[in-house]
Amino acid sequence: MSDVMTSGADNAARNRDIVTAYHNAVWRDGDKSAVDRYWDPDAEVHMTDFDGTAIAVLHADIDRYFAAFTDIETSIEHLVAEADKVVLHWTTSGKHVGPYGDVAATGKRITMTGMDLLRIDGDRIVECWSMWDGLSVYEQLGVLKIG
């Protein structure tokens, strides 16, 4: 029985490492090609305002963010792995220098937080549910007043 538990713990640790490496490659290092290395081409993505294959959705999201923000910083706040799933709670910030949706560059620095639930199969991410605090971003950009 301990072999099974060790194997499960090893898989969870490996999956945590995959998600950490992917997140840091894209959001810390600006390596957009990490999507192709870490994601299965047939993966499913459940993300607000994006439809399509995982690879197309992710490239569009990353391109949109990097076109709108510079001086990007990211941190992993929490990372929990069990079996084939990893929950990633992240914070990312950047200076708004290009269009973000319908909002022209403001020069303001924003911070956004979000959570991703990722399912791993082998060494690839095969499914993701992603949510982030978009309202807070628009409030920081001066478009919305909340509260």
N, C-alpha and C. Protein backbone atom coordinates (compact mmCIF):
# COMPACT_ATOMS: atom_id res chain seq x y z
N MET A 1 0.82 -1.20 0.00
CA MET A 1 0.00 0.00 0.00
C MET A 1 0.86 1.26 0.00
N SER A 2 1.99 1.26 0.67
CA SER A 2 2.82 2.46 0.70
C SER A 2 3.37 2.79 -0.69
N ASP A 3 3.58 1.76 -1.55
CA ASP A 3 4.05 2.03 -2.91
C ASP A 3 3.02 2.84 -3.69
N VAL A 4 1.73 2.53 -3.51
CA VAL A 4 0.67 3.26 -4.19
C VAL A 4 0.64 4.70 -3.70
N MET A 5 0.76 4.89 -2.39
CA MET A 5 0.72 6.24 -1.84
C MET A 5 1.93 7.05 -2.31
N THR A 6 3.09 6.42 -2.35
CA THR A 6 4.28 7.11 -2.82
C THR A 6 4.12 7.48 -4.28
N SER A 7 3.59 6.56 -5.08
CA SER A 7 3.38 6.83 -6.50
C SER A 7 2.42 8.00 -6.69
N GLY A 8 1.33 8.04 -5.91
CA GLY A 8 0.39 9.15 -5.99
C GLY A 8 1.03 10.46 -5.59
N ALA A 9 1.83 10.42 -4.53
CA ALA A 9 2.53 11.63 -4.08
C ALA A 9 3.54 12.08 -5.13
N ASP A 10 4.22 11.12 -5.75
CA ASP A 10 5.17 11.46 -6.81
C ASP A 10 4.47 12.11 -8.00
N ASN A 11 3.30 11.56 -8.38
CA ASN A 11 2.54 12.14 -9.49
C ASN A 11 2.09 13.56 -9.16
N ALA A 12 1.60 13.76 -7.95
CA ALA A 12 1.16 15.09 -7.55
C ALA A 12 2.33 16.07 -7.58
N ALA A 13 3.49 15.64 -7.10
CA ALA A 13 4.68 16.51 -7.11
C ALA A 13 5.11 16.81 -8.55
N ARG A 14 5.08 15.80 -9.40
CA ARG A 14 5.43 16.01 -10.81
C ARG A 14 4.46 16.99 -11.47
N ASN A 15 3.17 16.81 -11.19
CA ASN A 15 2.15 17.70 -11.77
C ASN A 15 2.31 19.14 -11.28
N ARG A 16 2.64 19.29 -10.00
CA ARG A 16 2.93 20.62 -9.43
C ARG A 16 4.11 21.26 -10.16
N ASP A 17 5.14 20.46 -10.42
CA ASP A 17 6.33 20.97 -11.11
C ASP A 17 6.00 21.40 -12.54
N ILE A 18 5.15 20.63 -13.23
CA ILE A 18 4.74 20.97 -14.60
C ILE A 18 4.02 22.31 -14.62
N VAL A 19 3.07 22.49 -13.71
CA VAL A 19 2.28 23.73 -13.67
C VAL A 19 3.17 24.91 -13.30
N THR A 20 4.05 24.73 -12.33
CA THR A 20 4.96 25.80 -11.93
C THR A 20 5.87 26.20 -13.09
N ALA A 21 6.44 25.21 -13.76
CA ALA A 21 7.35 25.50 -14.88
C ALA A 21 6.61 26.23 -16.00
N TYR A 22 5.39 25.78 -16.32
CA TYR A 22 4.60 26.44 -17.36
C TYR A 22 4.28 27.89 -16.97
N HIS A 23 3.74 28.07 -15.78
CA HIS A 23 3.34 29.42 -15.34
C HIS A 23 4.52 30.38 -15.37
N ASN A 24 5.64 29.95 -14.80
CA ASN A 24 6.81 30.82 -14.76
C ASN A 24 7.38 31.10 -16.14
N ALA A 25 7.38 30.09 -17.01
CA ALA A 25 7.91 30.29 -18.37
C ALA A 25 7.12 31.37 -19.10
N VAL A 26 5.80 31.29 -19.03
CA VAL A 26 4.98 32.27 -19.76
C VAL A 26 4.95 33.61 -19.06
N TRP A 27 4.50 33.63 -17.81
CA TRP A 27 4.17 34.90 -17.16
C TRP A 27 5.35 35.59 -16.52
N ARG A 28 6.38 34.85 -16.12
CA ARG A 28 7.57 35.49 -15.55
C ARG A 28 8.63 35.75 -16.62
N ASP A 29 8.84 34.73 -17.50
CA ASP A 29 9.92 34.81 -18.48
C ASP A 29 9.47 35.30 -19.85
N GLY A 30 8.15 35.39 -20.09
CA GLY A 30 7.64 35.86 -21.37
C GLY A 30 7.81 34.86 -22.51
N ASP A 31 7.94 33.59 -22.19
CA ASP A 31 8.15 32.53 -23.19
C ASP A 31 6.81 31.99 -23.67
N LYS A 32 6.27 32.60 -24.72
CA LYS A 32 4.97 32.19 -25.25
C LYS A 32 4.99 30.77 -25.82
N SER A 33 6.14 30.28 -26.23
CA SER A 33 6.23 28.93 -26.80
C SER A 33 6.02 27.84 -25.75
N ALA A 34 6.01 28.23 -24.47
CA ALA A 34 5.78 27.25 -23.40
C ALA A 34 4.41 26.59 -23.54
N VAL A 35 3.45 27.31 -24.13
CA VAL A 35 2.12 26.72 -24.36
C VAL A 35 2.26 25.44 -25.16
N ASP A 36 3.04 25.48 -26.22
CA ASP A 36 3.19 24.31 -27.09
C ASP A 36 3.96 23.18 -26.41
N ARG A 37 4.83 23.51 -25.47
CA ARG A 37 5.60 22.48 -24.77
C ARG A 37 4.81 21.80 -23.66
N TYR A 38 3.94 22.55 -22.98
CA TYR A 38 3.29 22.01 -21.79
C TYR A 38 1.84 21.58 -22.00
N TRP A 39 1.20 22.03 -23.07
CA TRP A 39 -0.22 21.73 -23.30
C TRP A 39 -0.39 20.68 -24.37
N ASP A 40 -1.32 19.76 -24.16
CA ASP A 40 -1.71 18.80 -25.18
C ASP A 40 -2.47 19.56 -26.28
N PRO A 41 -2.20 19.28 -27.54
CA PRO A 41 -2.88 20.00 -28.62
C PRO A 41 -4.41 19.87 -28.59
N ASP A 42 -4.92 18.80 -27.99
CA ASP A 42 -6.37 18.59 -27.91
C ASP A 42 -6.96 19.00 -26.57
N ALA A 43 -6.20 19.71 -25.76
CA ALA A 43 -6.67 20.11 -24.43
C ALA A 43 -7.89 21.01 -24.52
N GLU A 44 -8.69 20.98 -23.46
CA GLU A 44 -9.87 21.83 -23.35
C GLU A 44 -9.58 22.97 -22.38
N VAL A 45 -10.03 24.17 -22.75
CA VAL A 45 -9.88 25.33 -21.88
C VAL A 45 -11.25 25.93 -21.64
N HIS A 46 -11.57 26.15 -20.38
CA HIS A 46 -12.82 26.79 -19.98
C HIS A 46 -12.42 28.13 -19.38
N MET A 47 -12.49 29.19 -20.21
CA MET A 47 -12.01 30.50 -19.81
C MET A 47 -12.99 31.56 -20.31
N THR A 48 -13.27 32.53 -19.49
CA THR A 48 -14.19 33.61 -19.85
C THR A 48 -13.78 34.28 -21.15
N ASP A 49 -14.75 34.44 -22.05
CA ASP A 49 -14.59 35.19 -23.30
C ASP A 49 -13.67 34.56 -24.33
N PHE A 50 -13.32 33.31 -24.20
CA PHE A 50 -12.50 32.65 -25.20
C PHE A 50 -13.10 31.31 -25.56
N ASP A 51 -13.17 31.04 -26.86
CA ASP A 51 -13.63 29.75 -27.35
C ASP A 51 -12.63 29.26 -28.38
N GLY A 52 -12.42 27.96 -28.41
CA GLY A 52 -11.52 27.39 -29.40
C GLY A 52 -10.65 26.32 -28.78
N THR A 53 -9.70 25.85 -29.58
CA THR A 53 -8.79 24.84 -29.05
C THR A 53 -7.94 25.48 -27.97
N ALA A 54 -7.43 24.66 -27.09
CA ALA A 54 -6.62 25.17 -25.98
C ALA A 54 -5.45 26.00 -26.49
N ILE A 55 -4.77 25.49 -27.48
CA ILE A 55 -3.58 26.19 -27.97
C ILE A 55 -3.96 27.56 -28.53
N ALA A 56 -5.01 27.61 -29.34
CA ALA A 56 -5.44 28.89 -29.93
C ALA A 56 -5.93 29.86 -28.85
N VAL A 57 -6.71 29.36 -27.90
CA VAL A 57 -7.24 30.19 -26.82
C VAL A 57 -6.10 30.77 -25.98
N LEU A 58 -5.16 29.92 -25.62
CA LEU A 58 -4.06 30.36 -24.77
C LEU A 58 -3.16 31.36 -25.49
N HIS A 59 -2.83 31.08 -26.73
CA HIS A 59 -2.00 32.04 -27.48
C HIS A 59 -2.70 33.39 -27.60
N ALA A 60 -4.02 33.38 -27.86
CA ALA A 60 -4.77 34.64 -27.97
C ALA A 60 -4.77 35.40 -26.65
N ASP A 61 -4.97 34.69 -25.54
CA ASP A 61 -4.99 35.32 -24.22
C ASP A 61 -3.63 35.91 -23.87
N ILE A 62 -2.59 35.14 -24.12
CA ILE A 62 -1.23 35.59 -23.81
C ILE A 62 -0.84 36.77 -24.69
N ASP A 63 -1.13 36.67 -25.99
CA ASP A 63 -0.82 37.78 -26.91
C ASP A 63 -1.54 39.06 -26.50
N ARG A 64 -2.82 38.92 -26.12
CA ARG A 64 -3.61 40.08 -25.70
C ARG A 64 -2.98 40.73 -24.47
N TYR A 65 -2.58 39.92 -23.50
CA TYR A 65 -2.01 40.45 -22.27
C TYR A 65 -0.66 41.12 -22.52
N PHE A 66 0.22 40.45 -23.28
CA PHE A 66 1.54 41.01 -23.52
C PHE A 66 1.50 42.24 -24.42
N ALA A 67 0.47 42.39 -25.24
CA ALA A 67 0.32 43.60 -26.06
C ALA A 67 -0.17 44.77 -25.20
N ALA A 68 -0.88 44.46 -24.13
CA ALA A 68 -1.47 45.50 -23.28
C ALA A 68 -0.59 45.91 -22.11
N PHE A 69 0.28 45.02 -21.64
CA PHE A 69 1.04 45.28 -20.42
C PHE A 69 2.52 45.00 -20.60
N THR A 70 3.35 45.80 -19.92
CA THR A 70 4.79 45.57 -19.86
C THR A 70 5.20 45.51 -18.40
N ASP A 71 6.48 45.29 -18.17
CA ASP A 71 7.02 45.20 -16.81
C ASP A 71 6.19 44.22 -15.98
N ILE A 72 5.94 43.06 -16.56
CA ILE A 72 5.06 42.06 -15.95
C ILE A 72 5.80 41.33 -14.83
N GLU A 73 5.12 41.21 -13.71
CA GLU A 73 5.61 40.43 -12.58
C GLU A 73 4.53 39.44 -12.20
N THR A 74 4.94 38.26 -11.75
CA THR A 74 3.96 37.25 -11.36
C THR A 74 4.44 36.52 -10.13
N SER A 75 3.49 36.02 -9.37
CA SER A 75 3.84 35.17 -8.23
C SER A 75 2.79 34.08 -8.09
N ILE A 76 3.25 32.96 -7.61
CA ILE A 76 2.35 31.85 -7.29
C ILE A 76 2.04 31.98 -5.81
N GLU A 77 0.78 32.25 -5.50
CA GLU A 77 0.35 32.45 -4.12
C GLU A 77 0.11 31.11 -3.42
N HIS A 78 -0.57 30.20 -4.09
CA HIS A 78 -0.85 28.87 -3.56
C HIS A 78 -0.81 27.88 -4.70
N LEU A 79 -0.39 26.67 -4.39
CA LEU A 79 -0.33 25.60 -5.38
C LEU A 79 -0.67 24.31 -4.66
N VAL A 80 -1.76 23.68 -5.05
CA VAL A 80 -2.22 22.45 -4.40
C VAL A 80 -2.40 21.39 -5.47
N ALA A 81 -1.83 20.22 -5.24
CA ALA A 81 -1.94 19.13 -6.21
C ALA A 81 -2.46 17.87 -5.54
N GLU A 82 -3.35 17.21 -6.25
CA GLU A 82 -3.86 15.91 -5.81
C GLU A 82 -4.20 15.11 -7.05
N ALA A 83 -3.68 13.89 -7.10
CA ALA A 83 -3.90 13.00 -8.24
C ALA A 83 -3.53 13.74 -9.54
N ASP A 84 -4.48 13.86 -10.47
CA ASP A 84 -4.18 14.48 -11.77
C ASP A 84 -4.55 15.95 -11.85
N LYS A 85 -4.89 16.58 -10.73
CA LYS A 85 -5.33 17.98 -10.73
C LYS A 85 -4.38 18.86 -9.92
N VAL A 86 -4.21 20.10 -10.41
CA VAL A 86 -3.42 21.10 -9.71
C VAL A 86 -4.22 22.39 -9.67
N VAL A 87 -4.33 23.00 -8.49
CA VAL A 87 -4.96 24.30 -8.35
C VAL A 87 -3.85 25.33 -8.17
N LEU A 88 -3.87 26.34 -9.03
CA LEU A 88 -2.87 27.39 -9.04
C LEU A 88 -3.57 28.72 -8.73
N HIS A 89 -3.18 29.35 -7.62
CA HIS A 89 -3.68 30.70 -7.27
C HIS A 89 -2.52 31.64 -7.55
N TRP A 90 -2.74 32.61 -8.44
CA TRP A 90 -1.66 33.46 -8.91
C TRP A 90 -2.01 34.94 -8.80
N THR A 91 -0.96 35.75 -8.80
CA THR A 91 -1.08 37.20 -8.89
C THR A 91 -0.12 37.67 -9.98
N THR A 92 -0.62 38.52 -10.87
CA THR A 92 0.20 39.06 -11.95
C THR A 92 -0.04 40.56 -12.02
N SER A 93 1.02 41.31 -12.27
CA SER A 93 0.87 42.76 -12.40
C SER A 93 1.66 43.24 -13.61
N GLY A 94 1.27 44.42 -14.11
CA GLY A 94 1.98 44.99 -15.23
C GLY A 94 1.54 46.43 -15.47
N LYS A 95 2.31 47.14 -16.28
CA LYS A 95 2.00 48.53 -16.64
C LYS A 95 1.19 48.52 -17.93
N HIS A 96 0.05 49.20 -17.91
CA HIS A 96 -0.89 49.21 -19.04
C HIS A 96 -0.39 50.16 -20.13
N VAL A 97 0.13 49.57 -21.23
CA VAL A 97 0.75 50.37 -22.30
C VAL A 97 0.08 50.21 -23.66
N GLY A 98 -0.91 49.32 -23.75
CA GLY A 98 -1.58 49.09 -25.03
C GLY A 98 -3.04 48.76 -24.78
N PRO A 99 -3.83 48.62 -25.84
CA PRO A 99 -5.26 48.34 -25.67
C PRO A 99 -5.50 47.06 -24.88
N TYR A 100 -6.44 47.13 -23.95
CA TYR A 100 -6.89 45.96 -23.19
C TYR A 100 -8.41 45.95 -23.34
N GLY A 101 -8.90 45.07 -24.19
CA GLY A 101 -10.31 45.13 -24.56
C GLY A 101 -10.55 46.45 -25.27
N ASP A 102 -11.51 47.21 -24.80
CA ASP A 102 -11.83 48.52 -25.39
C ASP A 102 -11.12 49.67 -24.69
N VAL A 103 -10.20 49.36 -23.79
CA VAL A 103 -9.54 50.40 -22.99
C VAL A 103 -8.17 50.74 -23.58
N ALA A 104 -8.01 51.99 -24.00
CA ALA A 104 -6.71 52.45 -24.51
C ALA A 104 -5.70 52.51 -23.36
N ALA A 105 -4.43 52.52 -23.72
CA ALA A 105 -3.36 52.55 -22.72
C ALA A 105 -3.55 53.70 -21.73
N THR A 106 -3.36 53.39 -20.46
CA THR A 106 -3.52 54.39 -19.40
C THR A 106 -2.20 54.71 -18.71
N GLY A 107 -1.20 53.84 -18.87
CA GLY A 107 0.06 54.01 -18.16
C GLY A 107 -0.01 53.56 -16.71
N LYS A 108 -1.18 53.09 -16.27
CA LYS A 108 -1.35 52.66 -14.88
C LYS A 108 -0.82 51.24 -14.68
N ARG A 109 -0.32 51.00 -13.47
CA ARG A 109 0.11 49.65 -13.10
C ARG A 109 -1.09 48.96 -12.46
N ILE A 110 -1.39 47.76 -12.93
CA ILE A 110 -2.52 47.00 -12.39
C ILE A 110 -2.02 45.69 -11.81
N THR A 111 -2.84 45.12 -10.94
CA THR A 111 -2.57 43.80 -10.38
C THR A 111 -3.84 42.99 -10.52
N MET A 112 -3.70 41.77 -11.04
CA MET A 112 -4.85 40.88 -11.13
C MET A 112 -4.53 39.57 -10.44
N THR A 113 -5.57 38.97 -9.87
CA THR A 113 -5.42 37.67 -9.24
C THR A 113 -6.37 36.70 -9.91
N GLY A 114 -6.02 35.44 -9.85
CA GLY A 114 -6.88 34.42 -10.44
C GLY A 114 -6.53 33.04 -9.94
N MET A 115 -7.34 32.09 -10.37
CA MET A 115 -7.12 30.69 -10.03
C MET A 115 -7.36 29.84 -11.26
N ASP A 116 -6.51 28.85 -11.41
CA ASP A 116 -6.65 27.88 -12.48
C ASP A 116 -6.70 26.49 -11.85
N LEU A 117 -7.62 25.68 -12.33
CA LEU A 117 -7.65 24.26 -12.00
C LEU A 117 -7.22 23.54 -13.26
N LEU A 118 -6.08 22.86 -13.18
CA LEU A 118 -5.51 22.21 -14.36
C LEU A 118 -5.50 20.70 -14.16
N ARG A 119 -5.84 19.98 -15.22
CA ARG A 119 -5.78 18.51 -15.20
C ARG A 119 -4.60 18.09 -16.06
N ILE A 120 -3.78 17.21 -15.50
CA ILE A 120 -2.55 16.76 -16.15
C ILE A 120 -2.69 15.29 -16.54
N ASP A 121 -2.22 14.95 -17.72
CA ASP A 121 -2.16 13.55 -18.17
C ASP A 121 -0.76 13.33 -18.72
N GLY A 122 -0.01 12.46 -18.06
CA GLY A 122 1.39 12.27 -18.44
C GLY A 122 2.17 13.51 -18.10
N ASP A 123 2.77 14.12 -19.12
CA ASP A 123 3.53 15.35 -18.88
C ASP A 123 2.90 16.56 -19.56
N ARG A 124 1.59 16.46 -19.84
CA ARG A 124 0.90 17.55 -20.54
C ARG A 124 -0.34 18.01 -19.78
N ILE A 125 -0.62 19.29 -19.88
CA ILE A 125 -1.87 19.84 -19.36
C ILE A 125 -2.95 19.53 -20.39
N VAL A 126 -4.04 18.88 -19.94
CA VAL A 126 -5.08 18.46 -20.88
C VAL A 126 -6.41 19.17 -20.67
N GLU A 127 -6.55 19.88 -19.55
CA GLU A 127 -7.79 20.62 -19.31
C GLU A 127 -7.53 21.70 -18.28
N CYS A 128 -8.23 22.83 -18.44
CA CYS A 128 -8.05 23.95 -17.51
C CYS A 128 -9.35 24.70 -17.34
N TRP A 129 -9.66 25.04 -16.10
CA TRP A 129 -10.74 25.96 -15.76
C TRP A 129 -10.05 27.18 -15.18
N SER A 130 -10.27 28.35 -15.77
CA SER A 130 -9.53 29.54 -15.36
C SER A 130 -10.49 30.68 -15.04
N MET A 131 -10.26 31.33 -13.91
CA MET A 131 -11.07 32.48 -13.48
C MET A 131 -10.12 33.54 -12.92
N TRP A 132 -10.38 34.80 -13.25
CA TRP A 132 -9.61 35.89 -12.67
C TRP A 132 -10.52 37.08 -12.42
N ASP A 133 -10.02 38.01 -11.62
CA ASP A 133 -10.82 39.16 -11.19
C ASP A 133 -10.73 40.28 -12.22
N GLY A 134 -11.48 40.14 -13.30
CA GLY A 134 -11.48 41.13 -14.37
C GLY A 134 -12.08 42.46 -13.95
N LEU A 135 -13.10 42.44 -13.08
CA LEU A 135 -13.71 43.69 -12.63
C LEU A 135 -12.69 44.58 -11.92
N SER A 136 -11.85 43.97 -11.11
CA SER A 136 -10.83 44.73 -10.40
C SER A 136 -9.85 45.38 -11.38
N VAL A 137 -9.52 44.67 -12.45
CA VAL A 137 -8.61 45.23 -13.46
C VAL A 137 -9.23 46.48 -14.08
N TYR A 138 -10.50 46.39 -14.47
CA TYR A 138 -11.17 47.55 -15.07
C TYR A 138 -11.33 48.69 -14.07
N GLU A 139 -11.50 48.37 -12.81
CA GLU A 139 -11.54 49.42 -11.79
C GLU A 139 -10.18 50.11 -11.67
N GLN A 140 -9.11 49.33 -11.67
CA GLN A 140 -7.76 49.89 -11.58
C GLN A 140 -7.42 50.75 -12.81
N LEU A 141 -7.98 50.39 -13.95
CA LEU A 141 -7.75 51.16 -15.18
C LEU A 141 -8.61 52.42 -15.24
N GLY A 142 -9.53 52.57 -14.27
CA GLY A 142 -10.37 53.76 -14.21
C GLY A 142 -11.64 53.68 -15.04
N VAL A 143 -11.97 52.50 -15.53
CA VAL A 143 -13.15 52.33 -16.38
C VAL A 143 -14.41 52.09 -15.55
N LEU A 144 -14.28 51.37 -14.46
CA LEU A 144 -15.41 51.04 -13.58
C LEU A 144 -15.16 51.59 -12.19
N LYS A 145 -16.23 51.91 -11.52
CA LYS A 145 -16.15 52.25 -10.10
C LYS A 145 -16.97 51.21 -9.36
N ILE A 146 -16.31 50.44 -8.52
CA ILE A 146 -16.97 49.38 -7.77
C ILE A 146 -17.06 49.83 -6.32
N GLY A 147 -18.27 49.72 -5.77
CA GLY A 147 -18.46 50.02 -4.36
C GLY A 147 -18.66 51.43 -4.00
